[in-house]
Amino acid sequence: MSFGFIVPSQRADREQDVVIVGGGPGGLTAAIYLARYGFKTLVLEKSAPGGKVNVNPLIENYTGFESVSGEELARRMHMHALKAGALILSPEEVVRLELRGELKGVYTGSGRDFVAKAVVIATGAEERKLGVPGESELFGKGVSYCAVCDGPFFKGKRVIVVGGGNTAASSAIYLARIAEEVILVHRRASMRAERALVDKLRAMANVKLRLNSVVTRVVGGSRVEGVILKNLETGEEGLVEAEGVFIFVGVEPRSELAKEAGVEVDERGFIRVDCWQRTNIAGVYAVGDVVGEPMQIAKAVGDGVRAATDINRMLEG
């Protein structure tokens, strides 16, 4: 995928008004607003601008877009932020934060450091693992957490999708157009995904639902050969053969850097914020998935608007 990234260079001054750590929907929205307010705004993104949106095969619940690929929506957000005047450095990973002073310090893995009057933490969340035998051993050998990234490798094959939310459902729909058969496994009696997605899944002839079931083991040698499924109602276990296993069972917040710098998190690791996305440290804000549910693009965008609005009030006195 090509976004025309701006590669880190001397164009990024060390002193910024605001540094945004993470370039997902929340971070990019905050960047758009802050740049339009006239502030020197720098976004540091360790992978691709747009964050996890890039790997979402299809988005059908974002206002104004009846249907749009995640890659396309991420590209539009990225270009919008650039045109607004924000500077985006990607790939550029932040490795340390110093947030207690009036000027905040942001340090990157490439040895560059920045100072800013305000920092927005938009580091998102990463895929939660099942934690079953064979999962880590067969990662990249049939076990995946990204349908868009790895789906094409399974054309005409049988795959298993684990999860019951929107990401699992939309990924299963995407994979059903590639694979010969998709078996969706969910531990509850009904899925948590939106009804429209569930109805679409049930209408696809090559999709089978295995509800009230969990994966207890991923089986294989050099490649995935299947999974052991346990029926939670009967207790019965059995092998289901497949060549790919796609896992979508929730996320864990990427809040370690913030926590190390003194930002308060809750018992699950999500950053605590008030109604304006302010953390416990003055001048430090958090937006998007790193602050918790709902894990939705529209919610992250709203977070970015609130943070930028309050930063504008703070910096303008």
C-alpha atoms as a PDB file:
ATOM      1  CA  MET A   1       0.000   0.000   0.000  1.00  0.00           C
ATOM      2  CA  SER A   2       1.334   3.425  -0.857  1.00  0.00           C
ATOM      3  CA  PHE A   3       0.424   6.630   0.955  1.00  0.00           C
ATOM      4  CA  GLY A   4       3.256   8.896  -0.147  1.00  0.00           C
ATOM      5  CA  PHE A   5       4.746   8.956   3.350  1.00  0.00           C
ATOM      6  CA  ILE A   6       6.814  11.880   4.506  1.00  0.00           C
ATOM      7  CA  VAL A   7      10.098  10.315   5.618  1.00  0.00           C
ATOM      8  CA  PRO A   8      11.700  11.728   8.774  1.00  0.00           C
ATOM      9  CA  SER A   9      14.039  14.586   7.895  1.00  0.00           C
ATOM     10  CA  GLN A  10      15.282  17.915   9.193  1.00  0.00           C
ATOM     11  CA  ARG A  11      11.985  19.448   8.112  1.00  0.00           C
ATOM     12  CA  ALA A  12      10.544  18.497  11.496  1.00  0.00           C
ATOM     13  CA  ASP A  13      11.688  21.137  13.963  1.00  0.00           C
ATOM     14  CA  ARG A  14      12.553  19.937  17.421  1.00  0.00           C
ATOM     15  CA  GLU A  15      10.140  22.412  18.996  1.00  0.00           C
ATOM     16  CA  GLN A  16       6.465  21.828  18.261  1.00  0.00           C
ATOM     17  CA  ASP A  17       3.253  23.147  19.719  1.00  0.00           C
ATOM     18  CA  VAL A  18       1.699  19.687  19.795  1.00  0.00           C
ATOM     19  CA  VAL A  19       3.113  16.214  19.210  1.00  0.00           C
ATOM     20  CA  ILE A  20       0.659  13.420  18.505  1.00  0.00           C
ATOM     21  CA  VAL A  21       1.924   9.910  19.195  1.00  0.00           C
ATOM     22  CA  GLY A  22       0.055   7.643  16.801  1.00  0.00           C
ATOM     23  CA  GLY A  23      -1.552   8.272  13.435  1.00  0.00           C
ATOM     24  CA  GLY A  24      -4.868   6.438  13.632  1.00  0.00           C
ATOM     25  CA  PRO A  25      -8.265   8.131  13.147  1.00  0.00           C
ATOM     26  CA  GLY A  26      -8.150   9.835  16.547  1.00  0.00           C
ATOM     27  CA  GLY A  27      -4.618  11.120  16.119  1.00  0.00           C
ATOM     28  CA  LEU A  28      -5.145  12.289  12.544  1.00  0.00           C
ATOM     29  CA  THR A  29      -8.400  14.045  13.438  1.00  0.00           C
ATOM     30  CA  ALA A  30      -6.698  15.884  16.283  1.00  0.00           C
ATOM     31  CA  ALA A  31      -3.920  16.824  13.848  1.00  0.00           C
ATOM     32  CA  ILE A  32      -6.391  18.232  11.317  1.00  0.00           C
ATOM     33  CA  TYR A  33      -8.086  20.430  13.911  1.00  0.00           C
ATOM     34  CA  LEU A  34      -4.879  21.578  15.584  1.00  0.00           C
ATOM     35  CA  ALA A  35      -3.198  22.435  12.289  1.00  0.00           C
ATOM     36  CA  ARG A  36      -6.260  24.405  11.229  1.00  0.00           C
ATOM     37  CA  TYR A  37      -6.102  26.264  14.547  1.00  0.00           C
ATOM     38  CA  GLY A  38      -2.632  27.339  13.445  1.00  0.00           C
ATOM     39  CA  PHE A  39      -0.473  25.229  15.769  1.00  0.00           C
ATOM     40  CA  LYS A  40       2.748  23.499  14.729  1.00  0.00           C
ATOM     41  CA  THR A  41       1.512  19.936  14.827  1.00  0.00           C
ATOM     42  CA  LEU A  42       3.619  16.805  14.434  1.00  0.00           C
ATOM     43  CA  VAL A  43       2.275  13.268  14.120  1.00  0.00           C
ATOM     44  CA  LEU A  44       4.622  10.346  14.801  1.00  0.00           C
ATOM     45  CA  GLU A  45       3.349   7.013  13.457  1.00  0.00           C
ATOM     46  CA  LYS A  46       5.394   3.835  13.743  1.00  0.00           C
ATOM     47  CA  SER A  47       3.752   2.087  10.778  1.00  0.00           C
ATOM     48  CA  ALA A  48       1.197   3.428   8.294  1.00  0.00           C
ATOM     49  CA  PRO A  49      -0.955   6.525   8.845  1.00  0.00           C
ATOM     50  CA  GLY A  50      -4.465   5.366   9.562  1.00  0.00           C
ATOM     51  CA  GLY A  51      -3.294   2.687  11.976  1.00  0.00           C
ATOM     52  CA  LYS A  52      -5.445  -0.431  12.246  1.00  0.00           C
ATOM     53  CA  VAL A  53      -8.006   1.055   9.866  1.00  0.00           C
ATOM     54  CA  ASN A  54      -5.678   0.003   7.040  1.00  0.00           C
ATOM     55  CA  VAL A  55      -6.256  -3.702   7.673  1.00  0.00           C
ATOM     56  CA  ASN A  56     -10.053  -3.498   7.880  1.00  0.00           C
ATOM     57  CA  PRO A  57     -11.353  -5.009   4.630  1.00  0.00           C
ATOM     58  CA  LEU A  58     -14.647  -3.136   4.571  1.00  0.00           C
ATOM     59  CA  ILE A  59     -16.183  -0.346   6.649  1.00  0.00           C
ATOM     60  CA  GLU A  60     -19.928   0.173   6.402  1.00  0.00           C
ATOM     61  CA  ASN A  61     -20.770   2.125   9.563  1.00  0.00           C
ATOM     62  CA  TYR A  62     -18.751   5.335   9.207  1.00  0.00           C
ATOM     63  CA  THR A  63     -21.005   8.300   8.506  1.00  0.00           C
ATOM     64  CA  GLY A  64     -20.914   9.440   4.898  1.00  0.00           C
ATOM     65  CA  PHE A  65     -19.456   6.197   3.566  1.00  0.00           C
ATOM     66  CA  GLU A  66     -21.982   3.466   2.865  1.00  0.00           C
ATOM     67  CA  SER A  67     -19.046   1.225   2.021  1.00  0.00           C
ATOM     68  CA  VAL A  68     -15.326   1.983   1.961  1.00  0.00           C
ATOM     69  CA  SER A  69     -12.194  -0.108   2.352  1.00  0.00           C
ATOM     70  CA  GLY A  70     -10.077   0.594   5.399  1.00  0.00           C
ATOM     71  CA  GLU A  71      -7.092   1.380   3.203  1.00  0.00           C
ATOM     72  CA  GLU A  72      -9.025   4.015   1.269  1.00  0.00           C
ATOM     73  CA  LEU A  73     -10.432   5.666   4.397  1.00  0.00           C
ATOM     74  CA  ALA A  74      -6.965   5.721   5.979  1.00  0.00           C
ATOM     75  CA  ARG A  75      -5.517   7.290   2.814  1.00  0.00           C
ATOM     76  CA  ARG A  76      -8.146  10.023   2.862  1.00  0.00           C
ATOM     77  CA  MET A  77      -7.569  10.799   6.529  1.00  0.00           C
ATOM     78  CA  HIS A  78      -3.826  10.900   5.958  1.00  0.00           C
ATOM     79  CA  MET A  79      -4.062  13.275   3.011  1.00  0.00           C
ATOM     80  CA  HIS A  80      -6.574  15.478   4.840  1.00  0.00           C
ATOM     81  CA  ALA A  81      -4.170  15.923   7.752  1.00  0.00           C
ATOM     82  CA  LEU A  82      -1.308  16.792   5.397  1.00  0.00           C
ATOM     83  CA  LYS A  83      -3.398  19.324   3.509  1.00  0.00           C
ATOM     84  CA  ALA A  84      -4.477  20.894   6.796  1.00  0.00           C
ATOM     85  CA  GLY A  85      -0.814  21.572   7.545  1.00  0.00           C
ATOM     86  CA  ALA A  86       0.165  18.821   9.957  1.00  0.00           C
ATOM     87  CA  LEU A  87       3.560  17.174   9.561  1.00  0.00           C
ATOM     88  CA  ILE A  88       3.468  13.372   9.623  1.00  0.00           C
ATOM     89  CA  LEU A  89       6.605  11.318  10.116  1.00  0.00           C
ATOM     90  CA  SER A  90       6.158   7.670   9.222  1.00  0.00           C
ATOM     91  CA  PRO A  91       7.560   5.209  10.020  1.00  0.00           C
ATOM     92  CA  GLU A  92       8.810   6.778  13.248  1.00  0.00           C
ATOM     93  CA  GLU A  93       8.373   4.950  16.547  1.00  0.00           C
ATOM     94  CA  VAL A  94       8.260   6.731  19.881  1.00  0.00           C
ATOM     95  CA  VAL A  95      10.243   4.901  22.551  1.00  0.00           C
ATOM     96  CA  ARG A  96      10.108   7.266  25.534  1.00  0.00           C
ATOM     97  CA  LEU A  97       7.988  10.101  26.890  1.00  0.00           C
ATOM     98  CA  GLU A  98       8.769  12.756  29.511  1.00  0.00           C
ATOM     99  CA  LEU A  99       5.480  14.447  30.342  1.00  0.00           C
ATOM    100  CA  ARG A 100       5.730  16.061  33.754  1.00  0.00           C
ATOM    101  CA  GLY A 101       7.288  19.384  32.772  1.00  0.00           C
ATOM    102  CA  GLU A 102       5.726  22.403  31.117  1.00  0.00           C
ATOM    103  CA  LEU A 103       7.429  21.260  27.910  1.00  0.00           C
ATOM    104  CA  LYS A 104       6.888  17.582  27.134  1.00  0.00           C
ATOM    105  CA  GLY A 105       9.669  15.405  25.744  1.00  0.00           C
ATOM    106  CA  VAL A 106       9.052  12.852  22.996  1.00  0.00           C
ATOM    107  CA  TYR A 107      11.918  10.530  22.015  1.00  0.00           C
ATOM    108  CA  THR A 108      12.019   8.233  18.988  1.00  0.00           C
ATOM    109  CA  GLY A 109      13.827   5.049  18.098  1.00  0.00           C
ATOM    110  CA  SER A 110      15.760   6.833  15.352  1.00  0.00           C
ATOM    111  CA  GLY A 111      17.402   9.096  17.923  1.00  0.00           C
ATOM    112  CA  ARG A 112      15.291  12.170  17.221  1.00  0.00           C
ATOM    113  CA  ASP A 113      13.708  14.049  20.116  1.00  0.00           C
ATOM    114  CA  PHE A 114      10.975  16.652  20.190  1.00  0.00           C
ATOM    115  CA  VAL A 115       9.510  19.011  22.769  1.00  0.00           C
ATOM    116  CA  ALA A 116       5.947  20.285  22.778  1.00  0.00           C
ATOM    117  CA  LYS A 117       3.502  22.240  24.899  1.00  0.00           C
ATOM    118  CA  ALA A 118       0.953  19.453  24.594  1.00  0.00           C
ATOM    119  CA  VAL A 119       1.044  15.754  23.731  1.00  0.00           C
ATOM    120  CA  VAL A 120      -1.777  13.595  22.410  1.00  0.00           C
ATOM    121  CA  ILE A 121      -1.367   9.866  22.990  1.00  0.00           C
ATOM    122  CA  ALA A 122      -3.090   7.923  20.212  1.00  0.00           C
ATOM    123  CA  THR A 123      -1.172   4.666  20.381  1.00  0.00           C
ATOM    124  CA  GLY A 124      -4.214   2.450  19.867  1.00  0.00           C
ATOM    125  CA  ALA A 125      -4.473  -1.201  20.801  1.00  0.00           C
ATOM    126  CA  GLU A 126      -3.109  -4.501  19.559  1.00  0.00           C
ATOM    127  CA  GLU A 127      -4.808  -7.803  18.886  1.00  0.00           C
ATOM    128  CA  ARG A 128      -5.485  -9.991  21.891  1.00  0.00           C
ATOM    129  CA  LYS A 129      -4.120 -13.523  21.630  1.00  0.00           C
ATOM    130  CA  LEU A 130      -6.074 -16.678  22.381  1.00  0.00           C
ATOM    131  CA  GLY A 131      -3.196 -18.003  24.442  1.00  0.00           C
ATOM    132  CA  VAL A 132      -3.667 -21.605  23.340  1.00  0.00           C
ATOM    133  CA  PRO A 133      -0.985 -24.143  22.381  1.00  0.00           C
ATOM    134  CA  GLY A 134       0.170 -23.814  18.789  1.00  0.00           C
ATOM    135  CA  GLU A 135      -0.950 -20.207  18.349  1.00  0.00           C
ATOM    136  CA  SER A 136       2.412 -18.489  18.764  1.00  0.00           C
ATOM    137  CA  GLU A 137       4.354 -21.405  17.243  1.00  0.00           C
ATOM    138  CA  LEU A 138       2.312 -21.228  14.024  1.00  0.00           C
ATOM    139  CA  PHE A 139       2.041 -17.458  13.746  1.00  0.00           C
ATOM    140  CA  GLY A 140       2.906 -16.568  10.164  1.00  0.00           C
ATOM    141  CA  LYS A 141       2.477 -20.220   9.209  1.00  0.00           C
ATOM    142  CA  GLY A 142      -1.285 -20.095   8.924  1.00  0.00           C
ATOM    143  CA  VAL A 143      -2.149 -18.169  12.088  1.00  0.00           C
ATOM    144  CA  SER A 144      -2.980 -14.535  11.345  1.00  0.00           C
ATOM    145  CA  TYR A 145      -4.595 -11.487  12.934  1.00  0.00           C
ATOM    146  CA  CYS A 146      -5.186  -9.632   9.666  1.00  0.00           C
ATOM    147  CA  ALA A 147      -7.547 -10.845   6.925  1.00  0.00           C
ATOM    148  CA  VAL A 148      -6.540  -8.177   4.413  1.00  0.00           C
ATOM    149  CA  CYS A 149      -2.829  -8.854   4.907  1.00  0.00           C
ATOM    150  CA  ASP A 150      -2.931 -12.638   4.643  1.00  0.00           C
ATOM    151  CA  GLY A 151      -6.275 -13.571   3.109  1.00  0.00           C
ATOM    152  CA  PRO A 152      -5.002 -13.831  -0.484  1.00  0.00           C
ATOM    153  CA  PHE A 153      -2.687 -16.686   0.589  1.00  0.00           C
ATOM    154  CA  PHE A 154      -5.742 -18.842   1.265  1.00  0.00           C
ATOM    155  CA  LYS A 155      -7.530 -18.638  -2.052  1.00  0.00           C
ATOM    156  CA  GLY A 156      -9.622 -21.764  -2.543  1.00  0.00           C
ATOM    157  CA  LYS A 157      -8.754 -23.122   0.908  1.00  0.00           C
ATOM    158  CA  ARG A 158     -10.615 -23.685   4.170  1.00  0.00           C
ATOM    159  CA  VAL A 159     -10.015 -21.160   6.951  1.00  0.00           C
ATOM    160  CA  ILE A 160     -11.265 -20.626  10.478  1.00  0.00           C
ATOM    161  CA  VAL A 161     -12.176 -17.212  11.885  1.00  0.00           C
ATOM    162  CA  VAL A 162     -12.290 -16.875  15.687  1.00  0.00           C
ATOM    163  CA  GLY A 163     -14.352 -14.084  17.238  1.00  0.00           C
ATOM    164  CA  GLY A 164     -17.835 -12.624  17.427  1.00  0.00           C
ATOM    165  CA  GLY A 165     -17.487  -8.871  16.975  1.00  0.00           C
ATOM    166  CA  ASN A 166     -17.567  -6.561  13.972  1.00  0.00           C
ATOM    167  CA  THR A 167     -13.942  -7.196  13.036  1.00  0.00           C
ATOM    168  CA  ALA A 168     -14.426 -10.957  13.041  1.00  0.00           C
ATOM    169  CA  ALA A 169     -17.644 -10.705  11.040  1.00  0.00           C
ATOM    170  CA  SER A 170     -16.348  -8.294   8.394  1.00  0.00           C
ATOM    171  CA  SER A 171     -13.138 -10.309   8.077  1.00  0.00           C
ATOM    172  CA  ALA A 172     -15.115 -13.531   7.624  1.00  0.00           C
ATOM    173  CA  ILE A 173     -17.175 -11.877   4.882  1.00  0.00           C
ATOM    174  CA  TYR A 174     -13.998 -10.738   3.151  1.00  0.00           C
ATOM    175  CA  LEU A 175     -12.384 -14.165   3.453  1.00  0.00           C
ATOM    176  CA  ALA A 176     -15.505 -15.907   2.156  1.00  0.00           C
ATOM    177  CA  ARG A 177     -14.917 -14.197  -1.183  1.00  0.00           C
ATOM    178  CA  ILE A 178     -11.440 -15.729  -1.352  1.00  0.00           C
ATOM    179  CA  ALA A 179     -11.504 -19.033   0.501  1.00  0.00           C
ATOM    180  CA  GLU A 180     -13.444 -22.149  -0.396  1.00  0.00           C
ATOM    181  CA  GLU A 181     -14.978 -22.322   3.063  1.00  0.00           C
ATOM    182  CA  VAL A 182     -14.974 -20.154   6.193  1.00  0.00           C
ATOM    183  CA  ILE A 183     -15.827 -21.560   9.620  1.00  0.00           C
ATOM    184  CA  LEU A 184     -16.537 -18.845  12.167  1.00  0.00           C
ATOM    185  CA  VAL A 185     -16.044 -19.883  15.801  1.00  0.00           C
ATOM    186  CA  HIS A 186     -17.527 -17.889  18.666  1.00  0.00           C
ATOM    187  CA  ARG A 187     -17.731 -18.790  22.331  1.00  0.00           C
ATOM    188  CA  ARG A 188     -21.247 -17.424  22.877  1.00  0.00           C
ATOM    189  CA  ALA A 189     -24.644 -18.480  21.556  1.00  0.00           C
ATOM    190  CA  SER A 190     -24.977 -15.299  19.481  1.00  0.00           C
ATOM    191  CA  MET A 191     -22.530 -12.916  17.879  1.00  0.00           C
ATOM    192  CA  ARG A 192     -21.831  -9.407  19.148  1.00  0.00           C
ATOM    193  CA  ALA A 193     -21.409  -7.989  15.634  1.00  0.00           C
ATOM    194  CA  GLU A 194     -23.961  -5.653  14.073  1.00  0.00           C
ATOM    195  CA  ARG A 195     -27.077  -7.401  12.801  1.00  0.00           C
ATOM    196  CA  ALA A 196     -26.384  -6.288   9.214  1.00  0.00           C
ATOM    197  CA  LEU A 197     -23.030  -8.078   9.256  1.00  0.00           C
ATOM    198  CA  VAL A 198     -24.444 -11.209  10.872  1.00  0.00           C
ATOM    199  CA  ASP A 199     -27.263 -11.356   8.323  1.00  0.00           C
ATOM    200  CA  LYS A 200     -24.750 -11.039   5.494  1.00  0.00           C
ATOM    201  CA  LEU A 201     -22.659 -13.836   6.997  1.00  0.00           C
ATOM    202  CA  ARG A 202     -25.638 -16.163   7.350  1.00  0.00           C
ATOM    203  CA  ALA A 203     -26.560 -15.547   3.719  1.00  0.00           C
ATOM    204  CA  MET A 204     -23.174 -16.721   2.421  1.00  0.00           C
ATOM    205  CA  ALA A 205     -23.276 -20.355   1.347  1.00  0.00           C
ATOM    206  CA  ASN A 206     -19.614 -21.049   2.155  1.00  0.00           C
ATOM    207  CA  VAL A 207     -19.733 -19.669   5.715  1.00  0.00           C
ATOM    208  CA  LYS A 208     -20.523 -21.960   8.646  1.00  0.00           C
ATOM    209  CA  LEU A 209     -21.036 -20.761  12.215  1.00  0.00           C
ATOM    210  CA  ARG A 210     -19.775 -22.804  15.157  1.00  0.00           C
ATOM    211  CA  LEU A 211     -21.275 -21.042  18.167  1.00  0.00           C
ATOM    212  CA  ASN A 212     -20.848 -21.969  21.828  1.00  0.00           C
ATOM    213  CA  SER A 213     -17.405 -23.232  20.867  1.00  0.00           C
ATOM    214  CA  VAL A 214     -13.794 -22.345  21.640  1.00  0.00           C
ATOM    215  CA  VAL A 215     -10.425 -23.171  20.127  1.00  0.00           C
ATOM    216  CA  THR A 216      -8.304 -25.093  22.633  1.00  0.00           C
ATOM    217  CA  ARG A 217      -5.337 -25.810  20.370  1.00  0.00           C
ATOM    218  CA  VAL A 218      -3.973 -24.875  16.957  1.00  0.00           C
ATOM    219  CA  VAL A 219      -2.680 -28.022  15.254  1.00  0.00           C
ATOM    220  CA  GLY A 220       0.120 -28.305  12.726  1.00  0.00           C
ATOM    221  CA  GLY A 221       3.765 -29.000  11.998  1.00  0.00           C
ATOM    222  CA  SER A 222       5.424 -26.593   9.607  1.00  0.00           C
ATOM    223  CA  ARG A 223       1.989 -25.148   8.719  1.00  0.00           C
ATOM    224  CA  VAL A 224      -1.477 -24.946  10.277  1.00  0.00           C
ATOM    225  CA  GLU A 225      -3.444 -28.140   9.736  1.00  0.00           C
ATOM    226  CA  GLY A 226      -6.489 -27.331  11.836  1.00  0.00           C
ATOM    227  CA  VAL A 227      -7.743 -26.582  15.344  1.00  0.00           C
ATOM    228  CA  ILE A 228      -9.198 -28.501  18.249  1.00  0.00           C
ATOM    229  CA  LEU A 229     -12.679 -27.143  18.951  1.00  0.00           C
ATOM    230  CA  LYS A 230     -14.488 -27.624  22.235  1.00  0.00           C
ATOM    231  CA  ASN A 231     -18.273 -27.381  22.389  1.00  0.00           C
ATOM    232  CA  LEU A 232     -19.053 -25.501  25.598  1.00  0.00           C
ATOM    233  CA  GLU A 233     -22.509 -27.046  25.894  1.00  0.00           C
ATOM    234  CA  THR A 234     -21.532 -30.701  25.526  1.00  0.00           C
ATOM    235  CA  GLY A 235     -17.854 -30.580  26.471  1.00  0.00           C
ATOM    236  CA  GLU A 236     -16.977 -32.547  23.339  1.00  0.00           C
ATOM    237  CA  GLU A 237     -13.716 -31.801  21.554  1.00  0.00           C
ATOM    238  CA  GLY A 238     -12.723 -32.570  17.998  1.00  0.00           C
ATOM    239  CA  LEU A 239     -10.368 -31.678  15.197  1.00  0.00           C
ATOM    240  CA  VAL A 240     -11.545 -29.267  12.501  1.00  0.00           C
ATOM    241  CA  GLU A 241      -9.178 -29.276   9.565  1.00  0.00           C
ATOM    242  CA  ALA A 242      -8.181 -25.940   8.031  1.00  0.00           C
ATOM    243  CA  GLU A 243      -5.158 -24.288   6.469  1.00  0.00           C
ATOM    244  CA  GLY A 244      -5.593 -20.887   8.048  1.00  0.00           C
ATOM    245  CA  VAL A 245      -6.728 -19.504  11.415  1.00  0.00           C
ATOM    246  CA  PHE A 246      -7.669 -15.817  11.688  1.00  0.00           C
ATOM    247  CA  ILE A 247      -8.071 -14.559  15.258  1.00  0.00           C
ATOM    248  CA  PHE A 248     -10.169 -11.511  16.237  1.00  0.00           C
ATOM    249  CA  VAL A 249     -10.977 -11.743  19.954  1.00  0.00           C
ATOM    250  CA  GLY A 250     -10.484  -8.182  21.114  1.00  0.00           C
ATOM    251  CA  VAL A 251      -7.578  -5.888  21.793  1.00  0.00           C
ATOM    252  CA  GLU A 252      -5.077  -4.872  24.464  1.00  0.00           C
ATOM    253  CA  PRO A 253      -4.225  -1.163  24.866  1.00  0.00           C
ATOM    254  CA  ARG A 254      -0.786   0.049  23.851  1.00  0.00           C
ATOM    255  CA  SER A 255      -0.396   2.188  26.939  1.00  0.00           C
ATOM    256  CA  GLU A 256       2.983   1.055  28.317  1.00  0.00           C
ATOM    257  CA  LEU A 257       4.893   4.197  27.275  1.00  0.00           C
ATOM    258  CA  ALA A 258       2.256   6.466  28.744  1.00  0.00           C
ATOM    259  CA  LYS A 259       2.098   4.479  31.974  1.00  0.00           C
ATOM    260  CA  GLU A 260       5.894   4.605  32.351  1.00  0.00           C
ATOM    261  CA  ALA A 261       5.684   8.394  31.986  1.00  0.00           C
ATOM    262  CA  GLY A 262       3.154   8.676  34.816  1.00  0.00           C
ATOM    263  CA  VAL A 263      -0.155   8.601  32.955  1.00  0.00           C
ATOM    264  CA  GLU A 264      -2.880   6.833  34.912  1.00  0.00           C
ATOM    265  CA  VAL A 265      -4.474   3.700  33.440  1.00  0.00           C
ATOM    266  CA  ASP A 266      -7.360   1.550  34.607  1.00  0.00           C
ATOM    267  CA  GLU A 267      -7.254  -2.081  35.731  1.00  0.00           C
ATOM    268  CA  ARG A 268      -7.235  -3.257  32.089  1.00  0.00           C
ATOM    269  CA  GLY A 269      -4.491  -0.869  31.011  1.00  0.00           C
ATOM    270  CA  PHE A 270      -6.665   1.684  29.200  1.00  0.00           C
ATOM    271  CA  ILE A 271      -5.714   5.322  29.773  1.00  0.00           C
ATOM    272  CA  ARG A 272      -8.057   7.225  32.079  1.00  0.00           C
ATOM    273  CA  VAL A 273      -9.392  10.481  30.580  1.00  0.00           C
ATOM    274  CA  ASP A 274     -12.048  13.062  31.412  1.00  0.00           C
ATOM    275  CA  CYS A 275     -14.743  14.379  29.093  1.00  0.00           C
ATOM    276  CA  TRP A 276     -12.158  16.444  27.144  1.00  0.00           C
ATOM    277  CA  GLN A 277      -9.717  13.527  26.782  1.00  0.00           C
ATOM    278  CA  ARG A 278      -7.411  15.013  29.417  1.00  0.00           C
ATOM    279  CA  THR A 279      -5.229  12.600  31.391  1.00  0.00           C
ATOM    280  CA  ASN A 280      -4.012  13.113  34.958  1.00  0.00           C
ATOM    281  CA  ILE A 281      -1.038  15.110  33.624  1.00  0.00           C
ATOM    282  CA  ALA A 282      -1.660  18.693  32.505  1.00  0.00           C
ATOM    283  CA  GLY A 283      -1.172  19.136  28.779  1.00  0.00           C
ATOM    284  CA  VAL A 284      -1.363  15.404  28.060  1.00  0.00           C
ATOM    285  CA  TYR A 285      -4.362  13.933  26.258  1.00  0.00           C
ATOM    286  CA  ALA A 286      -5.323  10.475  25.022  1.00  0.00           C
ATOM    287  CA  VAL A 287      -7.675   9.479  22.210  1.00  0.00           C
ATOM    288  CA  GLY A 288      -8.911   6.414  20.326  1.00  0.00           C
ATOM    289  CA  ASP A 289      -8.671   2.744  21.232  1.00  0.00           C
ATOM    290  CA  VAL A 290      -6.041   3.344  23.924  1.00  0.00           C
ATOM    291  CA  VAL A 291      -8.754   4.907  26.129  1.00  0.00           C
ATOM    292  CA  GLY A 292     -11.200   2.026  25.734  1.00  0.00           C
ATOM    293  CA  GLU A 293     -14.508   1.042  24.221  1.00  0.00           C
ATOM    294  CA  PRO A 294     -16.300   1.371  21.950  1.00  0.00           C
ATOM    295  CA  MET A 295     -13.531   0.519  19.499  1.00  0.00           C
ATOM    296  CA  GLN A 296     -15.062   2.478  16.656  1.00  0.00           C
ATOM    297  CA  ILE A 297     -13.637   4.880  14.083  1.00  0.00           C
ATOM    298  CA  ALA A 298     -16.364   7.431  14.732  1.00  0.00           C
ATOM    299  CA  LYS A 299     -15.636   7.393  18.456  1.00  0.00           C
ATOM    300  CA  ALA A 300     -11.899   7.892  17.865  1.00  0.00           C
ATOM    301  CA  VAL A 301     -12.640  10.824  15.564  1.00  0.00           C
ATOM    302  CA  GLY A 302     -14.806  12.398  18.265  1.00  0.00           C
ATOM    303  CA  ASP A 303     -12.026  11.902  20.799  1.00  0.00           C
ATOM    304  CA  GLY A 304      -9.646  13.744  18.481  1.00  0.00           C
ATOM    305  CA  VAL A 305     -12.028  16.673  18.113  1.00  0.00           C
ATOM    306  CA  ARG A 306     -12.490  17.023  21.879  1.00  0.00           C
ATOM    307  CA  ALA A 307      -8.761  16.852  22.589  1.00  0.00           C
ATOM    308  CA  ALA A 308      -7.896  19.396  19.886  1.00  0.00           C
ATOM    309  CA  THR A 309     -10.629  21.769  21.066  1.00  0.00           C
ATOM    310  CA  ASP A 310      -9.360  21.709  24.632  1.00  0.00           C
ATOM    311  CA  ILE A 311      -5.710  22.045  23.555  1.00  0.00           C
ATOM    312  CA  ASN A 312      -6.686  25.124  21.571  1.00  0.00           C
ATOM    313  CA  ARG A 313      -8.309  26.639  24.683  1.00  0.00           C
ATOM    314  CA  MET A 314      -5.277  25.780  26.787  1.00  0.00           C
ATOM    315  CA  LEU A 315      -2.648  27.141  24.415  1.00  0.00           C
ATOM    316  CA  GLU A 316      -4.638  30.271  23.634  1.00  0.00           C
ATOM    317  CA  GLY A 317      -5.150  30.893  27.345  1.00  0.00           C
END
